[in-house]
PDB file of N, CA and C in Angstrom:
ATOM      1  N   MET A   1       7.183  22.542   2.896  1.00  0.00           N
ATOM      2  CA  MET A   1       7.679  22.970   4.030  1.00  0.00           C
ATOM      3  C   MET A   1       8.917  22.119   4.416  1.00  0.00           C
ATOM      4  N   GLN A   2       9.820  22.556   5.185  1.00  0.00           N
ATOM      5  CA  GLN A   2      10.963  21.821   5.548  1.00  0.00           C
ATOM      6  C   GLN A   2      11.192  21.895   7.181  1.00  0.00           C
ATOM      7  N   GLY A   3      11.869  20.997   7.764  1.00  0.00           N
ATOM      8  CA  GLY A   3      12.175  20.985   9.082  1.00  0.00           C
ATOM      9  C   GLY A   3      13.424  20.070   9.330  1.00  0.00           C
ATOM     10  N   THR A   4      13.714  19.874  10.600  1.00  0.00           N
ATOM     11  CA  THR A   4      14.902  19.097  11.148  1.00  0.00           C
ATOM     12  C   THR A   4      14.393  18.175  12.274  1.00  0.00           C
ATOM     13  N   VAL A   5      14.725  16.813  12.018  1.00  0.00           N
ATOM     14  CA  VAL A   5      14.280  15.716  12.824  1.00  0.00           C
ATOM     15  C   VAL A   5      14.755  16.152  14.212  1.00  0.00           C
ATOM     16  N   LYS A   6      13.824  16.200  15.220  1.00  0.00           N
ATOM     17  CA  LYS A   6      14.136  16.332  16.592  1.00  0.00           C
ATOM     18  C   LYS A   6      14.181  15.072  17.370  1.00  0.00           C
ATOM     19  N   ALA A   7      13.146  14.113  17.051  1.00  0.00           N
ATOM     20  CA  ALA A   7      13.080  12.626  17.545  1.00  0.00           C
ATOM     21  C   ALA A   7      12.499  11.801  16.601  1.00  0.00           C
ATOM     22  N   TYR A   8      12.961  10.568  16.816  1.00  0.00           N
ATOM     23  CA  TYR A   8      12.277   9.402  15.987  1.00  0.00           C
ATOM     24  C   TYR A   8      12.402   8.161  16.688  1.00  0.00           C
ATOM     25  N   ASP A   9      11.245   7.420  16.871  1.00  0.00           N
ATOM     26  CA  ASP A   9      11.105   6.015  17.405  1.00  0.00           C
ATOM     27  C   ASP A   9      11.037   5.181  16.364  1.00  0.00           C
ATOM     28  N   ALA A  10      11.941   4.280  16.085  1.00  0.00           N
ATOM     29  CA  ALA A  10      11.995   3.232  15.065  1.00  0.00           C
ATOM     30  C   ALA A  10      10.932   2.154  15.343  1.00  0.00           C
ATOM     31  N   GLU A  11      10.657   1.859  16.632  1.00  0.00           N
ATOM     32  CA  GLU A  11       9.632   1.050  16.854  1.00  0.00           C
ATOM     33  C   GLU A  11       8.243   1.269  16.374  1.00  0.00           C
ATOM     34  N   THR A  12       7.913   2.530  16.613  1.00  0.00           N
ATOM     35  CA  THR A  12       6.436   3.170  16.534  1.00  0.00           C
ATOM     36  C   THR A  12       6.404   3.836  15.057  1.00  0.00           C
ATOM     37  N   ARG A  13       7.556   4.150  14.552  1.00  0.00           N
ATOM     38  CA  ARG A  13       7.746   5.023  13.368  1.00  0.00           C
ATOM     39  C   ARG A  13       7.007   6.406  13.491  1.00  0.00           C
ATOM     40  N   THR A  14       7.245   6.949  14.744  1.00  0.00           N
ATOM     41  CA  THR A  14       6.547   8.320  14.962  1.00  0.00           C
ATOM     42  C   THR A  14       7.801   9.223  15.432  1.00  0.00           C
ATOM     43  N   GLY A  15       7.587  10.578  15.552  1.00  0.00           N
ATOM     44  CA  GLY A  15       8.544  11.343  16.105  1.00  0.00           C
ATOM     45  C   GLY A  15       8.129  12.915  15.914  1.00  0.00           C
ATOM     46  N   SER A  16       9.066  13.538  15.873  1.00  0.00           N
ATOM     47  CA  SER A  16       8.705  15.178  15.852  1.00  0.00           C
ATOM     48  C   SER A  16       9.844  15.800  15.041  1.00  0.00           C
ATOM     49  N   VAL A  17       9.488  16.982  14.425  1.00  0.00           N
ATOM     50  CA  VAL A  17      10.402  17.859  13.757  1.00  0.00           C
ATOM     51  C   VAL A  17      10.487  19.197  14.339  1.00  0.00           C
ATOM     52  N   LEU A  18      11.619  19.928  14.177  1.00  0.00           N
ATOM     53  CA  LEU A  18      11.522  21.295  14.266  1.00  0.00           C
ATOM     54  C   LEU A  18      11.440  21.999  13.175  1.00  0.00           C
ATOM     55  N   LEU A  19      10.441  23.054  13.024  1.00  0.00           N
ATOM     56  CA  LEU A  19      10.263  23.783  11.907  1.00  0.00           C
ATOM     57  C   LEU A  19      11.193  24.844  11.778  1.00  0.00           C
ATOM     58  N   ASP A  20      11.324  25.563  10.771  1.00  0.00           N
ATOM     59  CA  ASP A  20      12.447  26.565  10.488  1.00  0.00           C
ATOM     60  C   ASP A  20      12.133  27.779  11.411  1.00  0.00           C
ATOM     61  N   ASP A  21      10.753  27.877  11.926  1.00  0.00           N
ATOM     62  CA  ASP A  21      10.484  28.883  12.642  1.00  0.00           C
ATOM     63  C   ASP A  21      10.680  28.620  14.359  1.00  0.00           C
ATOM     64  N   GLY A  22      11.240  27.455  14.611  1.00  0.00           N
ATOM     65  CA  GLY A  22      11.468  27.050  15.908  1.00  0.00           C
ATOM     66  C   GLY A  22      10.477  26.229  16.449  1.00  0.00           C
ATOM     67  N   SER A  23       9.269  26.086  16.022  1.00  0.00           N
ATOM     68  CA  SER A  23       8.246  25.523  16.519  1.00  0.00           C
ATOM     69  C   SER A  23       8.379  23.853  16.318  1.00  0.00           C
ATOM     70  N   GLU A  24       7.844  23.057  17.239  1.00  0.00           N
ATOM     71  CA  GLU A  24       8.034  21.719  17.090  1.00  0.00           C
ATOM     72  C   GLU A  24       6.557  21.045  16.611  1.00  0.00           C
ATOM     73  N   MET A  25       6.662  20.027  15.761  1.00  0.00           N
ATOM     74  CA  MET A  25       5.537  19.447  15.076  1.00  0.00           C
ATOM     75  C   MET A  25       5.636  17.882  15.150  1.00  0.00           C
ATOM     76  N   ALA A  26       4.628  17.121  15.662  1.00  0.00           N
ATOM     77  CA  ALA A  26       4.774  15.732  15.701  1.00  0.00           C
ATOM     78  C   ALA A  26       4.362  15.121  14.353  1.00  0.00           C
ATOM     79  N   PHE A  27       4.974  13.882  14.104  1.00  0.00           N
ATOM     80  CA  PHE A  27       4.302  13.037  12.998  1.00  0.00           C
ATOM     81  C   PHE A  27       3.915  11.755  13.380  1.00  0.00           C
ATOM     82  N   ASP A  28       2.935  11.043  12.736  1.00  0.00           N
ATOM     83  CA  ASP A  28       2.637   9.818  13.146  1.00  0.00           C
ATOM     84  C   ASP A  28       2.963   8.706  12.170  1.00  0.00           C
ATOM     85  N   THR A  29       2.565   7.611  12.391  1.00  0.00           N
ATOM     86  CA  THR A  29       3.150   6.417  11.494  1.00  0.00           C
ATOM     87  C   THR A  29       2.674   6.478  10.151  1.00  0.00           C
ATOM     88  N   ALA A  30       1.377   7.046   9.931  1.00  0.00           N
ATOM     89  CA  ALA A  30       0.831   7.141   8.562  1.00  0.00           C
ATOM     90  C   ALA A  30       1.815   8.123   7.703  1.00  0.00           C
ATOM     91  N   ALA A  31       2.172   9.408   8.290  1.00  0.00           N
ATOM     92  CA  ALA A  31       3.115  10.212   7.617  1.00  0.00           C
ATOM     93  C   ALA A  31       4.201   9.763   7.378  1.00  0.00           C
ATOM     94  N   PHE A  32       4.963   8.819   8.227  1.00  0.00           N
ATOM     95  CA  PHE A  32       6.233   8.266   8.069  1.00  0.00           C
ATOM     96  C   PHE A  32       6.076   7.315   6.786  1.00  0.00           C
ATOM     97  N   ASP A  33       5.064   6.505   6.935  1.00  0.00           N
ATOM     98  CA  ASP A  33       4.936   5.402   5.900  1.00  0.00           C
ATOM     99  C   ASP A  33       4.609   6.020   4.516  1.00  0.00           C
ATOM    100  N   ALA A  34       4.026   7.226   4.426  1.00  0.00           N
ATOM    101  CA  ALA A  34       3.729   7.752   3.140  1.00  0.00           C
ATOM    102  C   ALA A  34       4.910   8.362   2.533  1.00  0.00           C
ATOM    103  N   GLY A  35       5.967   8.610   3.109  1.00  0.00           N
ATOM    104  CA  GLY A  35       7.285   9.163   2.715  1.00  0.00           C
ATOM    105  C   GLY A  35       8.088   8.108   2.038  1.00  0.00           C
ATOM    106  N   GLY A  36       7.877   6.691   2.265  1.00  0.00           N
ATOM    107  CA  GLY A  36       8.562   5.756   1.803  1.00  0.00           C
ATOM    108  C   GLY A  36      10.083   5.582   2.416  1.00  0.00           C
ATOM    109  N   LEU A  37      10.181   6.133   3.578  1.00  0.00           N
ATOM    110  CA  LEU A  37      11.487   5.966   4.284  1.00  0.00           C
ATOM    111  C   LEU A  37      11.543   4.739   5.165  1.00  0.00           C
ATOM    112  N   ARG A  38      12.879   4.338   5.478  1.00  0.00           N
ATOM    113  CA  ARG A  38      12.987   3.143   6.423  1.00  0.00           C
ATOM    114  C   ARG A  38      13.405   3.572   7.817  1.00  0.00           C
ATOM    115  N   LEU A  39      14.044   4.844   7.930  1.00  0.00           N
ATOM    116  CA  LEU A  39      14.515   5.303   9.234  1.00  0.00           C
ATOM    117  C   LEU A  39      14.867   6.864   9.079  1.00  0.00           C
ATOM    118  N   LEU A  40      14.901   7.625  10.095  1.00  0.00           N
ATOM    119  CA  LEU A  40      15.201   8.875  10.323  1.00  0.00           C
ATOM    120  C   LEU A  40      16.387   8.999  11.357  1.00  0.00           C
ATOM    121  N   ARG A  41      17.244  10.230  11.207  1.00  0.00           N
ATOM    122  CA  ARG A  41      18.280  10.300  12.238  1.00  0.00           C
ATOM    123  C   ARG A  41      17.925  11.699  12.830  1.00  0.00           C
ATOM    124  N   PHE A  42      18.370  11.808  14.057  1.00  0.00           N
ATOM    125  CA  PHE A  42      18.363  13.210  14.803  1.00  0.00           C
ATOM    126  C   PHE A  42      19.184  14.196  14.010  1.00  0.00           C
ATOM    127  N   GLY A  43      18.549  15.307  13.639  1.00  0.00           N
ATOM    128  CA  GLY A  43      19.283  16.420  12.907  1.00  0.00           C
ATOM    129  C   GLY A  43      19.064  16.298  11.287  1.00  0.00           C
ATOM    130  N   GLN A  44      18.442  15.291  10.696  1.00  0.00           N
ATOM    131  CA  GLN A  44      18.287  15.175   9.451  1.00  0.00           C
ATOM    132  C   GLN A  44      17.381  16.225   8.879  1.00  0.00           C
ATOM    133  N   ARG A  45      17.566  16.940   7.804  1.00  0.00           N
ATOM    134  CA  ARG A  45      16.570  17.734   7.170  1.00  0.00           C
ATOM    135  C   ARG A  45      15.623  16.986   6.372  1.00  0.00           C
ATOM    136  N   VAL A  46      14.338  17.450   6.474  1.00  0.00           N
ATOM    137  CA  VAL A  46      13.261  16.706   5.901  1.00  0.00           C
ATOM    138  C   VAL A  46      12.195  17.619   5.173  1.00  0.00           C
ATOM    139  N   ASN A  47      11.597  17.120   4.192  1.00  0.00           N
ATOM    140  CA  ASN A  47      10.374  17.843   3.439  1.00  0.00           C
ATOM    141  C   ASN A  47       9.126  17.377   4.280  1.00  0.00           C
ATOM    142  N   LEU A  48       8.131  18.072   4.407  1.00  0.00           N
ATOM    143  CA  LEU A  48       6.892  17.906   5.007  1.00  0.00           C
ATOM    144  C   LEU A  48       5.735  18.410   4.171  1.00  0.00           C
ATOM    145  N   ALA A  49       4.756  17.577   4.086  1.00  0.00           N
ATOM    146  CA  ALA A  49       3.482  17.975   3.529  1.00  0.00           C
ATOM    147  C   ALA A  49       2.611  18.104   4.698  1.00  0.00           C
ATOM    148  N   VAL A  50       1.866  19.324   4.816  1.00  0.00           N
ATOM    149  CA  VAL A  50       1.126  19.493   5.981  1.00  0.00           C
ATOM    150  C   VAL A  50      -0.290  19.907   5.608  1.00  0.00           C
ATOM    151  N   GLU A  51      -1.316  19.274   6.165  1.00  0.00           N
ATOM    152  CA  GLU A  51      -2.741  19.813   5.922  1.00  0.00           C
ATOM    153  C   GLU A  51      -3.513  19.764   7.334  1.00  0.00           C
ATOM    154  N   ASN A  52      -4.112  21.019   7.493  1.00  0.00           N
ATOM    155  CA  ASN A  52      -4.909  21.224   8.790  1.00  0.00           C
ATOM    156  C   ASN A  52      -4.044  21.032   9.967  1.00  0.00           C
ATOM    157  N   ASP A  53      -2.867  21.628  10.021  1.00  0.00           N
ATOM    158  CA  ASP A  53      -1.874  21.678  11.036  1.00  0.00           C
ATOM    159  C   ASP A  53      -1.374  20.219  11.435  1.00  0.00           C
ATOM    160  N   ARG A  54      -1.312  19.266  10.432  1.00  0.00           N
ATOM    161  CA  ARG A  54      -1.085  17.864  10.739  1.00  0.00           C
ATOM    162  C   ARG A  54       0.012  17.626   9.492  1.00  0.00           C
ATOM    163  N   ILE A  55       1.079  16.964   9.923  1.00  0.00           N
ATOM    164  CA  ILE A  55       2.070  16.340   8.834  1.00  0.00           C
ATOM    165  C   ILE A  55       1.539  15.154   8.241  1.00  0.00           C
ATOM    166  N   THR A  56       1.318  15.243   6.961  1.00  0.00           N
ATOM    167  CA  THR A  56       0.610  14.057   6.173  1.00  0.00           C
ATOM    168  C   THR A  56       1.807  13.175   5.672  1.00  0.00           C
ATOM    169  N   VAL A  57       2.946  13.808   5.171  1.00  0.00           N
ATOM    170  CA  VAL A  57       3.980  13.038   4.626  1.00  0.00           C
ATOM    171  C   VAL A  57       5.420  13.688   5.103  1.00  0.00           C
ATOM    172  N   ILE A  58       6.234  12.732   5.416  1.00  0.00           N
ATOM    173  CA  ILE A  58       7.679  13.307   5.770  1.00  0.00           C
ATOM    174  C   ILE A  58       8.569  12.431   4.911  1.00  0.00           C
ATOM    175  N   THR A  59       9.514  13.087   4.388  1.00  0.00           N
ATOM    176  CA  THR A  59      10.556  12.379   3.561  1.00  0.00           C
ATOM    177  C   THR A  59      11.776  13.212   3.545  1.00  0.00           C
ATOM    178  N   LEU A  60      12.883  12.714   2.918  1.00  0.00           N
ATOM    179  CA  LEU A  60      14.219  13.507   3.047  1.00  0.00           C
ATOM    180  C   LEU A  60      14.105  14.736   2.238  1.00  0.00           C
ATOM    181  N   SER A  61      14.899  15.726   2.591  1.00  0.00           N
ATOM    182  CA  SER A  61      14.785  16.917   1.818  1.00  0.00           C
ATOM    183  C   SER A  61      15.375  16.725   0.281  1.00  0.00           C
ATOM    184  N   THR A  62      16.112  15.685   0.110  1.00  0.00           N
ATOM    185  CA  THR A  62      16.367  15.582  -1.349  1.00  0.00           C
ATOM    186  C   THR A  62      15.489  14.602  -2.220  1.00  0.00           C
ATOM    187  N   PHE A  63      14.433  14.172  -1.555  1.00  0.00           N
ATOM    188  CA  PHE A  63      13.418  13.414  -2.313  1.00  0.00           C
ATOM    189  C   PHE A  63      12.267  14.424  -2.449  1.00  0.00           C
ATOM    190  N   PRO A  64      11.567  14.173  -3.538  1.00  0.00           N
ATOM    191  CA  PRO A  64      10.220  14.934  -3.919  1.00  0.00           C
ATOM    192  C   PRO A  64       9.116  14.405  -2.961  1.00  0.00           C
ATOM    193  N   LEU A  65       8.278  15.262  -2.744  1.00  0.00           N
ATOM    194  CA  LEU A  65       6.968  14.967  -1.970  1.00  0.00           C
ATOM    195  C   LEU A  65       6.050  14.024  -2.977  1.00  0.00           C
ATOM    196  N   PRO A  66       5.557  12.820  -2.512  1.00  0.00           N
ATOM    197  CA  PRO A  66       4.693  12.177  -3.401  1.00  0.00           C
ATOM    198  C   PRO A  66       3.469  12.875  -3.593  1.00  0.00           C
TER     199      PRO A  66
END
């Protein structure tokens, strides 16, 4: 699944993305850490792994999901 970064807090490493259908989905620190990233910017395209309506991994769209 892919989306676009809507918000990102560098201190807490949490934020939210807009999915391609326009819905918003939040991600937590664990999902951010699982993707191996150091930061995100507003408007970046990202790949998402989702389980049970929860983002478990977020990484850049050019990176494969772990």
